[in-house]
Amino acid sequence: MQAFLQDLRFALRQLRTSPGFAVVAILSLALGIGATCAVFSVVYAVLVNPYPYADADRMVHLVVKDKGGNQRWVSLTGPQLQQMRKANSVESASGMDEWNLTTTGGDVPEDLTAIYFTGNAFNHFGVPVLLGRGLLPTDAPEGQDPQPVAVLGYQFWQRHYNGDPEIVGKTIQLTHKSYTVVGVAPPRFTWGDGDVYLPWKFTNDPTRGVMPQIRLKPGVTVGSRNCPPA
């Protein structure tokens, strides 16, 4: 310990008497620490704690590219999504829509991001919820109004309810409509950066669509174009 203190005092004297050396030393430490953190973040995300979604390596999105190379996300109507599910190369397909809602019925309203999912979305992602259950196909039956149920995003649950472990079964009022909380998503489930996840009303309306999430069958590559209906 005595030797360490002597070395530390010597280093501090050198830094004080040589400002240029001090600047170089500080910059070297900052760059070294930053690079180490960056590498660790990549290793942690890829190897230690990868995306929580089931078979994430087979999940794809639909985009179109114009002549200028600009990409645009593709949305599908309800019937088109049903047709997509029948494609030979597709194992599972779900859909999402996004709206801004406001909590009502409390003292202070809060704006939040609501992600509307087709009823099979939580099964599609294959991520267990933290509390309660996820959305189910029975929450959004085709041709009927969806059930007034909600799954809370983890951060919203922490922020708005202080992580209340008894939240399942309670109600939340969004834009003057009441929903029963049926579950809480785990911390790393952040699809769409949603604060709440609600069931999407399936409709044949050609003007209403959802953003599709697609998981390819094993062995199908992203570059495959053989996707005719089965």
C-alpha atoms as a PDB file:
ATOM      1  CA  MET A   1       0.000   0.000   0.000  1.00  0.00           C
ATOM      2  CA  GLN A   2       2.870   2.372   0.848  1.00  0.00           C
ATOM      3  CA  ALA A   3       4.439   1.794  -2.576  1.00  0.00           C
ATOM      4  CA  PHE A   4       1.113   2.456  -4.298  1.00  0.00           C
ATOM      5  CA  LEU A   5       0.684   5.765  -2.445  1.00  0.00           C
ATOM      6  CA  GLN A   6       4.215   6.838  -3.391  1.00  0.00           C
ATOM      7  CA  ASP A   7       3.522   6.037  -7.058  1.00  0.00           C
ATOM      8  CA  LEU A   8       0.245   7.931  -6.899  1.00  0.00           C
ATOM      9  CA  ARG A   9       1.906  11.032  -5.389  1.00  0.00           C
ATOM     10  CA  PHE A  10       4.628  10.886  -8.050  1.00  0.00           C
ATOM     11  CA  ALA A  11       2.017  10.621 -10.827  1.00  0.00           C
ATOM     12  CA  LEU A  12       0.091  13.610  -9.461  1.00  0.00           C
ATOM     13  CA  ARG A  13       3.284  15.697  -9.300  1.00  0.00           C
ATOM     14  CA  GLN A  14       4.083  14.787 -12.898  1.00  0.00           C
ATOM     15  CA  LEU A  15       0.601  15.757 -14.040  1.00  0.00           C
ATOM     16  CA  ARG A  16       0.821  19.079 -12.172  1.00  0.00           C
ATOM     17  CA  THR A  17       4.261  20.033 -13.489  1.00  0.00           C
ATOM     18  CA  SER A  18       3.624  18.804 -17.083  1.00  0.00           C
ATOM     19  CA  PRO A  19       0.221  20.050 -18.331  1.00  0.00           C
ATOM     20  CA  GLY A  20       0.778  18.691 -21.820  1.00  0.00           C
ATOM     21  CA  PHE A  21       1.527  15.249 -20.483  1.00  0.00           C
ATOM     22  CA  ALA A  22      -1.543  15.498 -18.241  1.00  0.00           C
ATOM     23  CA  VAL A  23      -3.815  16.277 -21.198  1.00  0.00           C
ATOM     24  CA  VAL A  24      -2.421  13.370 -23.225  1.00  0.00           C
ATOM     25  CA  ALA A  25      -2.777  10.995 -20.273  1.00  0.00           C
ATOM     26  CA  ILE A  26      -6.377  12.029 -19.584  1.00  0.00           C
ATOM     27  CA  LEU A  27      -7.341  11.737 -23.257  1.00  0.00           C
ATOM     28  CA  SER A  28      -5.707   8.304 -23.470  1.00  0.00           C
ATOM     29  CA  LEU A  29      -7.620   7.124 -20.425  1.00  0.00           C
ATOM     30  CA  ALA A  30     -10.899   8.511 -21.777  1.00  0.00           C
ATOM     31  CA  LEU A  31     -10.443   6.862 -25.179  1.00  0.00           C
ATOM     32  CA  GLY A  32      -9.391   3.575 -23.590  1.00  0.00           C
ATOM     33  CA  ILE A  33     -12.353   3.505 -21.212  1.00  0.00           C
ATOM     34  CA  GLY A  34     -14.764   4.512 -23.989  1.00  0.00           C
ATOM     35  CA  ALA A  35     -13.483   1.816 -26.346  1.00  0.00           C
ATOM     36  CA  THR A  36     -13.672  -0.797 -23.590  1.00  0.00           C
ATOM     37  CA  CYS A  37     -17.256   0.162 -22.774  1.00  0.00           C
ATOM     38  CA  ALA A  38     -18.239   0.047 -26.451  1.00  0.00           C
ATOM     39  CA  VAL A  39     -16.741  -3.417 -26.940  1.00  0.00           C
ATOM     40  CA  PHE A  40     -18.327  -4.682 -23.738  1.00  0.00           C
ATOM     41  CA  SER A  41     -21.731  -3.326 -24.806  1.00  0.00           C
ATOM     42  CA  VAL A  42     -21.538  -5.240 -28.093  1.00  0.00           C
ATOM     43  CA  VAL A  43     -20.354  -8.448 -26.439  1.00  0.00           C
ATOM     44  CA  TYR A  44     -23.005  -8.144 -23.723  1.00  0.00           C
ATOM     45  CA  ALA A  45     -25.838  -7.537 -26.200  1.00  0.00           C
ATOM     46  CA  VAL A  46     -24.786 -10.259 -28.657  1.00  0.00           C
ATOM     47  CA  LEU A  47     -23.426 -13.007 -26.406  1.00  0.00           C
ATOM     48  CA  VAL A  48     -24.448 -12.407 -22.798  1.00  0.00           C
ATOM     49  CA  ASN A  49     -27.884 -10.813 -23.120  1.00  0.00           C
ATOM     50  CA  PRO A  50     -29.091 -10.955 -26.755  1.00  0.00           C
ATOM     51  CA  TYR A  51     -32.486  -9.861 -28.055  1.00  0.00           C
ATOM     52  CA  PRO A  52     -35.186 -11.690 -26.107  1.00  0.00           C
ATOM     53  CA  TYR A  53     -37.348 -12.464 -29.125  1.00  0.00           C
ATOM     54  CA  ALA A  54     -37.623 -16.110 -30.163  1.00  0.00           C
ATOM     55  CA  ASP A  55     -35.552 -16.968 -33.255  1.00  0.00           C
ATOM     56  CA  ALA A  56     -34.640 -13.310 -33.745  1.00  0.00           C
ATOM     57  CA  ASP A  57     -32.263 -14.274 -36.560  1.00  0.00           C
ATOM     58  CA  ARG A  58     -35.275 -15.293 -38.661  1.00  0.00           C
ATOM     59  CA  MET A  59     -37.332 -12.161 -38.031  1.00  0.00           C
ATOM     60  CA  VAL A  60     -37.673  -9.790 -40.998  1.00  0.00           C
ATOM     61  CA  HIS A  61     -39.597  -6.670 -42.046  1.00  0.00           C
ATOM     62  CA  LEU A  62     -41.134  -5.715 -45.364  1.00  0.00           C
ATOM     63  CA  VAL A  63     -39.621  -2.660 -47.046  1.00  0.00           C
ATOM     64  CA  VAL A  64     -39.706  -1.311 -50.572  1.00  0.00           C
ATOM     65  CA  LYS A  65     -36.947   0.687 -52.195  1.00  0.00           C
ATOM     66  CA  ASP A  66     -37.532   3.312 -54.884  1.00  0.00           C
ATOM     67  CA  LYS A  67     -35.199   4.145 -57.762  1.00  0.00           C
ATOM     68  CA  GLY A  68     -33.397   6.648 -55.593  1.00  0.00           C
ATOM     69  CA  GLY A  69     -32.554   3.983 -53.027  1.00  0.00           C
ATOM     70  CA  ASN A  70     -34.949   5.357 -50.416  1.00  0.00           C
ATOM     71  CA  GLN A  71     -36.620   2.725 -48.270  1.00  0.00           C
ATOM     72  CA  ARG A  72     -40.226   2.748 -47.119  1.00  0.00           C
ATOM     73  CA  TRP A  73     -41.876   0.400 -44.676  1.00  0.00           C
ATOM     74  CA  VAL A  74     -44.788  -1.621 -46.019  1.00  0.00           C
ATOM     75  CA  SER A  75     -48.115  -1.922 -44.205  1.00  0.00           C
ATOM     76  CA  LEU A  76     -50.666  -4.656 -44.825  1.00  0.00           C
ATOM     77  CA  THR A  77     -54.422  -4.734 -44.435  1.00  0.00           C
ATOM     78  CA  GLY A  78     -56.047  -7.463 -42.358  1.00  0.00           C
ATOM     79  CA  PRO A  79     -56.759  -9.739 -45.357  1.00  0.00           C
ATOM     80  CA  GLN A  80     -53.257  -9.168 -46.729  1.00  0.00           C
ATOM     81  CA  LEU A  81     -51.741 -10.173 -43.381  1.00  0.00           C
ATOM     82  CA  GLN A  82     -53.829 -13.348 -43.415  1.00  0.00           C
ATOM     83  CA  GLN A  83     -52.515 -14.096 -46.898  1.00  0.00           C
ATOM     84  CA  MET A  84     -48.941 -13.452 -45.761  1.00  0.00           C
ATOM     85  CA  ARG A  85     -49.338 -16.076 -43.043  1.00  0.00           C
ATOM     86  CA  LYS A  86     -50.074 -18.671 -45.735  1.00  0.00           C
ATOM     87  CA  ALA A  87     -46.803 -18.058 -47.603  1.00  0.00           C
ATOM     88  CA  ASN A  88     -44.599 -21.137 -47.906  1.00  0.00           C
ATOM     89  CA  SER A  89     -41.608 -19.317 -46.411  1.00  0.00           C
ATOM     90  CA  VAL A  90     -43.406 -17.768 -43.444  1.00  0.00           C
ATOM     91  CA  GLU A  91     -43.608 -19.484 -40.061  1.00  0.00           C
ATOM     92  CA  SER A  92     -45.429 -16.678 -38.238  1.00  0.00           C
ATOM     93  CA  ALA A  93     -46.678 -13.168 -38.968  1.00  0.00           C
ATOM     94  CA  SER A  94     -48.180 -10.587 -36.650  1.00  0.00           C
ATOM     95  CA  GLY A  95     -49.024  -6.913 -37.045  1.00  0.00           C
ATOM     96  CA  MET A  96     -48.769  -3.663 -35.115  1.00  0.00           C
ATOM     97  CA  ASP A  97     -50.087  -0.139 -35.248  1.00  0.00           C
ATOM     98  CA  GLU A  98     -49.129   2.872 -33.141  1.00  0.00           C
ATOM     99  CA  TRP A  99     -51.127   5.686 -31.566  1.00  0.00           C
ATOM    100  CA  ASN A 100     -50.505   8.406 -29.016  1.00  0.00           C
ATOM    101  CA  LEU A 101     -52.945   8.191 -26.110  1.00  0.00           C
ATOM    102  CA  THR A 102     -53.344   9.994 -22.804  1.00  0.00           C
ATOM    103  CA  THR A 103     -53.962   8.601 -19.329  1.00  0.00           C
ATOM    104  CA  THR A 104     -57.204  10.009 -17.958  1.00  0.00           C
ATOM    105  CA  GLY A 105     -59.144   9.580 -14.742  1.00  0.00           C
ATOM    106  CA  GLY A 106     -56.188  10.574 -12.565  1.00  0.00           C
ATOM    107  CA  ASP A 107     -54.790  13.796 -11.157  1.00  0.00           C
ATOM    108  CA  VAL A 108     -52.253  14.480 -13.917  1.00  0.00           C
ATOM    109  CA  PRO A 109     -52.740  13.211 -17.493  1.00  0.00           C
ATOM    110  CA  GLU A 110     -49.714  11.625 -19.162  1.00  0.00           C
ATOM    111  CA  ASP A 111     -49.098  11.202 -22.872  1.00  0.00           C
ATOM    112  CA  LEU A 112     -47.945   7.732 -23.828  1.00  0.00           C
ATOM    113  CA  THR A 113     -47.229   5.524 -26.826  1.00  0.00           C
ATOM    114  CA  ALA A 114     -49.791   2.775 -27.378  1.00  0.00           C
ATOM    115  CA  ILE A 115     -48.828  -0.152 -29.576  1.00  0.00           C
ATOM    116  CA  TYR A 116     -51.769  -2.083 -30.992  1.00  0.00           C
ATOM    117  CA  PHE A 117     -50.908  -5.735 -31.651  1.00  0.00           C
ATOM    118  CA  THR A 118     -52.733  -8.467 -33.491  1.00  0.00           C
ATOM    119  CA  GLY A 119     -53.826 -11.148 -31.038  1.00  0.00           C
ATOM    120  CA  ASN A 120     -50.961 -13.511 -31.895  1.00  0.00           C
ATOM    121  CA  ALA A 121     -48.161 -10.969 -31.392  1.00  0.00           C
ATOM    122  CA  PHE A 122     -46.929 -12.082 -27.969  1.00  0.00           C
ATOM    123  CA  ASN A 123     -46.931 -15.706 -29.119  1.00  0.00           C
ATOM    124  CA  HIS A 124     -45.071 -14.570 -32.250  1.00  0.00           C
ATOM    125  CA  PHE A 125     -42.332 -12.878 -30.229  1.00  0.00           C
ATOM    126  CA  GLY A 126     -42.090 -15.781 -27.799  1.00  0.00           C
ATOM    127  CA  VAL A 127     -41.178 -13.577 -24.836  1.00  0.00           C
ATOM    128  CA  PRO A 128     -42.607 -14.529 -21.415  1.00  0.00           C
ATOM    129  CA  VAL A 129     -44.216 -11.615 -19.612  1.00  0.00           C
ATOM    130  CA  LEU A 130     -42.958 -10.426 -16.247  1.00  0.00           C
ATOM    131  CA  LEU A 131     -46.383 -10.451 -14.605  1.00  0.00           C
ATOM    132  CA  GLY A 132     -49.741 -11.862 -15.657  1.00  0.00           C
ATOM    133  CA  ARG A 133     -50.066 -12.770 -19.330  1.00  0.00           C
ATOM    134  CA  GLY A 134     -49.560 -11.296 -22.768  1.00  0.00           C
ATOM    135  CA  LEU A 135     -52.220 -10.522 -25.331  1.00  0.00           C
ATOM    136  CA  LEU A 136     -54.010 -13.589 -26.726  1.00  0.00           C
ATOM    137  CA  PRO A 137     -55.841 -14.272 -30.005  1.00  0.00           C
ATOM    138  CA  THR A 138     -59.084 -14.336 -28.006  1.00  0.00           C
ATOM    139  CA  ASP A 139     -58.434 -10.703 -27.037  1.00  0.00           C
ATOM    140  CA  ALA A 140     -58.797  -9.651 -30.673  1.00  0.00           C
ATOM    141  CA  PRO A 141     -61.278 -11.992 -32.417  1.00  0.00           C
ATOM    142  CA  GLU A 142     -61.732 -11.319 -36.106  1.00  0.00           C
ATOM    143  CA  GLY A 143     -64.875  -9.405 -36.954  1.00  0.00           C
ATOM    144  CA  GLN A 144     -65.447  -8.289 -33.360  1.00  0.00           C
ATOM    145  CA  ASP A 145     -64.355  -5.440 -31.134  1.00  0.00           C
ATOM    146  CA  PRO A 146     -61.211  -6.331 -29.176  1.00  0.00           C
ATOM    147  CA  GLN A 147     -61.332  -6.915 -25.453  1.00  0.00           C
ATOM    148  CA  PRO A 148     -60.502  -3.859 -23.292  1.00  0.00           C
ATOM    149  CA  VAL A 149     -57.275  -5.314 -21.934  1.00  0.00           C
ATOM    150  CA  ALA A 150     -53.737  -3.946 -21.769  1.00  0.00           C
ATOM    151  CA  VAL A 151     -50.195  -5.128 -21.181  1.00  0.00           C
ATOM    152  CA  LEU A 152     -47.972  -2.474 -19.630  1.00  0.00           C
ATOM    153  CA  GLY A 153     -44.457  -1.770 -20.820  1.00  0.00           C
ATOM    154  CA  TYR A 154     -41.873  -2.265 -18.081  1.00  0.00           C
ATOM    155  CA  GLN A 155     -40.640   1.344 -17.954  1.00  0.00           C
ATOM    156  CA  PHE A 156     -44.181   2.732 -17.922  1.00  0.00           C
ATOM    157  CA  TRP A 157     -45.108   0.301 -15.127  1.00  0.00           C
ATOM    158  CA  GLN A 158     -42.131   1.518 -13.096  1.00  0.00           C
ATOM    159  CA  ARG A 159     -42.764   5.180 -13.823  1.00  0.00           C
ATOM    160  CA  HIS A 160     -46.552   5.358 -13.561  1.00  0.00           C
ATOM    161  CA  TYR A 161     -47.210   2.654 -10.943  1.00  0.00           C
ATOM    162  CA  ASN A 162     -43.890   2.528  -9.066  1.00  0.00           C
ATOM    163  CA  GLY A 163     -43.525  -1.133 -10.041  1.00  0.00           C
ATOM    164  CA  ASP A 164     -46.704  -2.182  -8.213  1.00  0.00           C
ATOM    165  CA  PRO A 165     -46.521  -6.024  -8.065  1.00  0.00           C
ATOM    166  CA  GLU A 166     -50.312  -6.159  -7.654  1.00  0.00           C
ATOM    167  CA  ILE A 167     -51.058  -4.230 -10.852  1.00  0.00           C
ATOM    168  CA  VAL A 168     -52.564  -7.198 -12.740  1.00  0.00           C
ATOM    169  CA  GLY A 169     -56.353  -6.985 -12.572  1.00  0.00           C
ATOM    170  CA  LYS A 170     -56.454  -3.252 -11.976  1.00  0.00           C
ATOM    171  CA  THR A 171     -57.739  -0.801 -14.566  1.00  0.00           C
ATOM    172  CA  ILE A 172     -56.074   1.969 -16.521  1.00  0.00           C
ATOM    173  CA  GLN A 173     -58.039   4.679 -18.283  1.00  0.00           C
ATOM    174  CA  LEU A 174     -56.664   5.744 -21.655  1.00  0.00           C
ATOM    175  CA  THR A 175     -58.341   8.658 -23.428  1.00  0.00           C
ATOM    176  CA  HIS A 176     -61.484   8.108 -21.328  1.00  0.00           C
ATOM    177  CA  LYS A 177     -61.689   4.366 -22.011  1.00  0.00           C
ATOM    178  CA  SER A 178     -61.003   1.806 -19.283  1.00  0.00           C
ATOM    179  CA  TYR A 179     -58.737  -1.203 -19.843  1.00  0.00           C
ATOM    180  CA  THR A 180     -58.004  -4.096 -17.498  1.00  0.00           C
ATOM    181  CA  VAL A 181     -54.276  -4.651 -16.995  1.00  0.00           C
ATOM    182  CA  VAL A 182     -53.576  -8.317 -17.758  1.00  0.00           C
ATOM    183  CA  GLY A 183     -49.788  -8.271 -17.745  1.00  0.00           C
ATOM    184  CA  VAL A 184     -46.473  -6.435 -17.582  1.00  0.00           C
ATOM    185  CA  ALA A 185     -43.809  -6.888 -20.260  1.00  0.00           C
ATOM    186  CA  PRO A 186     -40.242  -7.767 -19.195  1.00  0.00           C
ATOM    187  CA  PRO A 187     -37.550  -5.040 -19.172  1.00  0.00           C
ATOM    188  CA  ARG A 188     -36.030  -5.899 -22.567  1.00  0.00           C
ATOM    189  CA  PHE A 189     -39.342  -6.204 -24.407  1.00  0.00           C
ATOM    190  CA  THR A 190     -39.402  -2.717 -25.930  1.00  0.00           C
ATOM    191  CA  TRP A 191     -40.997  -3.373 -29.320  1.00  0.00           C
ATOM    192  CA  GLY A 192     -42.142  -0.052 -30.767  1.00  0.00           C
ATOM    193  CA  ASP A 193     -41.046   1.663 -27.540  1.00  0.00           C
ATOM    194  CA  GLY A 194     -44.574   1.059 -26.327  1.00  0.00           C
ATOM    195  CA  ASP A 195     -45.791   2.234 -22.945  1.00  0.00           C
ATOM    196  CA  VAL A 196     -48.859   0.021 -23.275  1.00  0.00           C
ATOM    197  CA  TYR A 197     -49.767  -2.829 -25.624  1.00  0.00           C
ATOM    198  CA  LEU A 198     -53.395  -3.143 -26.700  1.00  0.00           C
ATOM    199  CA  PRO A 199     -55.236  -5.602 -28.986  1.00  0.00           C
ATOM    200  CA  TRP A 200     -55.747  -4.388 -32.552  1.00  0.00           C
ATOM    201  CA  LYS A 201     -59.197  -4.612 -34.093  1.00  0.00           C
ATOM    202  CA  PHE A 202     -59.011  -6.867 -37.145  1.00  0.00           C
ATOM    203  CA  THR A 203     -60.819  -5.257 -40.040  1.00  0.00           C
ATOM    204  CA  ASN A 204     -61.288  -5.761 -43.766  1.00  0.00           C
ATOM    205  CA  ASP A 205     -61.109  -1.986 -44.284  1.00  0.00           C
ATOM    206  CA  PRO A 206     -58.629  -1.452 -47.164  1.00  0.00           C
ATOM    207  CA  THR A 207     -57.631   1.944 -45.712  1.00  0.00           C
ATOM    208  CA  ARG A 208     -56.447   0.512 -42.397  1.00  0.00           C
ATOM    209  CA  GLY A 209     -53.276  -1.479 -42.145  1.00  0.00           C
ATOM    210  CA  VAL A 210     -50.639  -2.769 -39.754  1.00  0.00           C
ATOM    211  CA  MET A 211     -46.884  -3.023 -39.906  1.00  0.00           C
ATOM    212  CA  PRO A 212     -46.130  -6.733 -40.300  1.00  0.00           C
ATOM    213  CA  GLN A 213     -43.573  -8.615 -38.226  1.00  0.00           C
ATOM    214  CA  ILE A 214     -42.535 -11.809 -39.981  1.00  0.00           C
ATOM    215  CA  ARG A 215     -40.571 -14.848 -38.847  1.00  0.00           C
ATOM    216  CA  LEU A 216     -39.301 -17.028 -41.651  1.00  0.00           C
ATOM    217  CA  LYS A 217     -39.323 -20.801 -41.528  1.00  0.00           C
ATOM    218  CA  PRO A 218     -36.015 -22.519 -40.653  1.00  0.00           C
ATOM    219  CA  GLY A 219     -33.733 -22.715 -43.675  1.00  0.00           C
ATOM    220  CA  VAL A 220     -35.355 -19.786 -45.515  1.00  0.00           C
ATOM    221  CA  THR A 221     -32.902 -16.961 -46.191  1.00  0.00           C
ATOM    222  CA  VAL A 222     -33.722 -13.280 -46.258  1.00  0.00           C
ATOM    223  CA  GLY A 223     -32.870 -13.144 -49.939  1.00  0.00           C
ATOM    224  CA  SER A 224     -35.412 -15.825 -50.861  1.00  0.00           C
ATOM    225  CA  ARG A 225     -38.126 -14.643 -53.228  1.00  0.00           C
ATOM    226  CA  ASN A 226     -40.090 -17.885 -53.432  1.00  0.00           C
ATOM    227  CA  CYS A 227     -42.996 -16.764 -51.273  1.00  0.00           C
ATOM    228  CA  PRO A 228     -46.199 -17.805 -53.084  1.00  0.00           C
ATOM    229  CA  PRO A 229     -49.251 -18.734 -51.019  1.00  0.00           C
ATOM    230  CA  ALA A 230     -49.353 -22.367 -49.936  1.00  0.00           C
END
